[in-house]
Every structure is written in structure tokens, then in C-alpha cells.
């Protein structure tokens, strides 16, 4: 299909676009559903206000990423490594923190020390 102007839409349902390059391309309001994006390289991309639902992101690497204001809900983040990250004003609620460490200290130990101090 030839794209004649910005009002045309391209439907590539069932197409194989492996090893394609989208450079300087406006894909705003596009829908990716049931797609294989394994080993994809995403750099200098604006995905503000994107919705990511039921996605397997195991093994992904995030570097130099701005996720301010992002929400992670019902997410498995076990064995995640977080390094050189700004966590100011982060709120964690209803989370399984077993085995979680901050600066090498078990969070459960931090809570136990806090509870002892609070009780004193």
C-alpha cells in the first residue's frame, strides 16, 4: 500500500516485518497486539502515556530511561537489579519484599529495626 498523505492508515495484520527499520517514523496511536518484538532495539523513542499490558519483559535492559510518573501494577519484578536510579518519592504498597535488599541490607531487617525503635 502506498501512503499518500498523513490521513492514510497502513494495516499490516499478519505481515512479517522482521529486521525492518522505522527511523523518524510517527507511530503514535498505533496498536501492537500479539506481536513478536523479541530482540528489538528501541532508542530515542517517545512512549509517553503508552499502555503496556500482559507483556513479557523478562531479560529486558533499561538504561538512561525516564520513567517518572510511571505506574507498575500487578508486576513480577523478582530478581530485578536496580542501580544508579533516582527513587525519590517512590511509593511501594502491597508488595512482597521478602529477600529485597537496599544498599546490601535486607528490607525485612530495616523494618524490624524500625519497629524496635518505634516501640522503645
Protein backbone atom coordinates (compact mmCIF):
# COMPACT_ATOMS: atom_id res chain seq x y z
CA UNK A 1 0.00 0.00 0.00
CA UNK A 2 1.27 3.46 -0.83
CA UNK A 3 0.88 6.06 1.90
CA UNK A 4 -0.36 9.13 0.07
CA UNK A 5 -0.81 11.53 2.95
CA UNK A 6 -0.85 11.59 6.73
CA UNK A 7 -4.51 10.57 6.90
CA UNK A 8 -3.91 7.15 5.31
CA UNK A 9 -3.50 4.15 7.60
CA UNK A 10 -1.39 1.10 6.92
CA UNK A 11 -2.77 -2.29 8.00
CA UNK A 12 -0.01 -4.89 8.22
CA UNK A 13 -2.01 -7.60 10.00
CA UNK A 14 -0.31 -10.97 9.53
CA UNK A 15 2.74 -9.42 7.84
CA UNK A 16 6.34 -10.39 8.52
CA UNK A 17 8.36 -7.25 9.17
CA UNK A 18 11.40 -8.88 10.76
CA UNK A 19 14.60 -6.81 10.53
CA UNK A 20 12.62 -3.72 9.47
CA UNK A 21 13.80 -0.25 10.46
CA UNK A 22 11.49 2.56 11.49
CA UNK A 23 13.60 5.72 11.68
CA UNK A 24 11.98 9.10 12.11
CA UNK A 25 8.59 7.39 11.83
CA UNK A 26 5.42 8.60 13.55
CA UNK A 27 3.76 5.52 15.04
CA UNK A 28 1.62 7.45 17.53
CA UNK A 29 -1.68 5.79 18.40
CA UNK A 30 -0.51 2.55 16.75
CA UNK A 31 -1.56 -0.78 18.21
CA UNK A 32 0.80 -3.73 18.67
CA UNK A 33 -1.18 -6.79 19.76
CA UNK A 34 0.13 -10.37 19.65
CA UNK A 35 3.41 -9.20 18.08
CA UNK A 36 6.84 -10.76 18.48
CA UNK A 37 9.18 -7.90 19.38
CA UNK A 38 11.94 -10.07 20.85
CA UNK A 39 15.45 -8.66 20.42
CA UNK A 40 14.00 -5.32 19.28
CA UNK A 41 16.22 -2.23 19.71
CA UNK A 42 14.36 0.85 20.95
CA UNK A 43 16.39 4.05 21.28
CA UNK A 44 15.46 7.73 21.48
CA UNK A 45 11.75 6.85 21.35
CA UNK A 46 8.89 8.80 22.93
CA UNK A 47 6.43 6.37 24.51
CA UNK A 48 4.81 8.78 26.96
CA UNK A 49 1.32 7.72 28.08
CA UNK A 50 1.76 4.28 26.47
CA UNK A 51 -0.11 1.31 27.93
CA UNK A 52 1.83 -1.92 28.32
CA UNK A 53 -0.49 -4.79 29.29
CA UNK A 54 0.17 -8.53 29.58
CA UNK A 55 3.72 -8.19 28.22
CA UNK A 56 6.68 -10.49 28.90
CA UNK A 57 9.61 -8.15 29.55
CA UNK A 58 11.89 -10.77 31.13
CA UNK A 59 15.53 -10.15 30.33
CA UNK A 60 14.93 -6.57 29.14
CA UNK A 61 17.51 -3.90 29.91
CA UNK A 62 16.54 -0.32 30.67
CA UNK A 63 19.32 2.29 30.59
CA UNK A 64 19.04 6.08 30.63
CA UNK A 65 15.24 5.80 30.89
CA UNK A 66 12.86 8.44 32.23
CA UNK A 67 10.02 6.57 33.94
CA UNK A 68 8.89 9.43 36.19
CA UNK A 69 5.20 9.18 36.90
CA UNK A 70 5.04 5.58 35.65
CA UNK A 71 2.85 3.01 37.38
CA UNK A 72 3.76 -0.64 37.80
CA UNK A 73 0.78 -2.70 38.94
CA UNK A 74 0.41 -6.49 39.26
CA UNK A 75 4.00 -6.85 38.01
CA UNK A 76 6.52 -9.63 38.68
CA UNK A 77 9.77 -7.77 39.35
CA UNK A 78 11.57 -10.62 41.13
CA UNK A 79 15.34 -10.74 40.63
CA UNK A 80 15.37 -7.21 39.15
CA UNK A 81 18.60 -5.23 39.63
CA UNK A 82 18.18 -1.50 40.20
CA UNK A 83 21.39 0.55 40.06
CA UNK A 84 22.09 4.29 39.87
CA UNK A 85 18.37 5.08 39.96
CA UNK A 86 16.54 8.10 41.35
CA UNK A 87 13.85 6.64 43.63
CA UNK A 88 12.82 9.90 45.30
CA UNK A 89 9.14 9.95 46.28
CA UNK A 90 8.65 6.32 45.18
CA UNK A 91 5.77 4.60 46.96
CA UNK A 92 5.63 0.82 47.33
CA UNK A 93 2.38 -0.68 48.65
CA UNK A 94 1.00 -4.22 48.95
CA UNK A 95 4.33 -5.69 47.80
CA UNK A 96 6.17 -8.91 48.64
CA UNK A 97 9.52 -7.58 49.87
CA UNK A 98 10.99 -10.91 51.00
CA UNK A 99 14.69 -11.02 50.18
CA UNK A 100 14.70 -7.40 48.93
CA UNK A 101 17.89 -5.53 49.74
CA UNK A 102 18.67 -1.82 49.73
CA UNK A 103 22.37 -0.93 49.83
CA UNK A 104 23.01 -4.58 50.77
CA UNK A 105 20.67 -4.53 53.80
CA UNK A 106 17.59 -6.76 53.92
CA UNK A 107 14.45 -4.62 53.95
CA UNK A 108 12.91 -7.01 56.49
CA UNK A 109 15.83 -6.18 58.83
CA UNK A 110 15.24 -2.45 58.29
CA UNK A 111 11.56 -2.84 59.19
CA UNK A 112 12.44 -4.91 62.27
CA UNK A 113 14.87 -2.21 63.46
CA UNK A 114 12.24 0.47 62.77
CA UNK A 115 9.62 -1.46 64.73
CA UNK A 116 12.05 -1.88 67.67
CA UNK A 117 12.87 1.85 67.62
CA UNK A 118 9.22 2.81 67.36
CA UNK A 119 8.31 0.53 70.24
CA UNK A 120 11.03 1.98 72.52
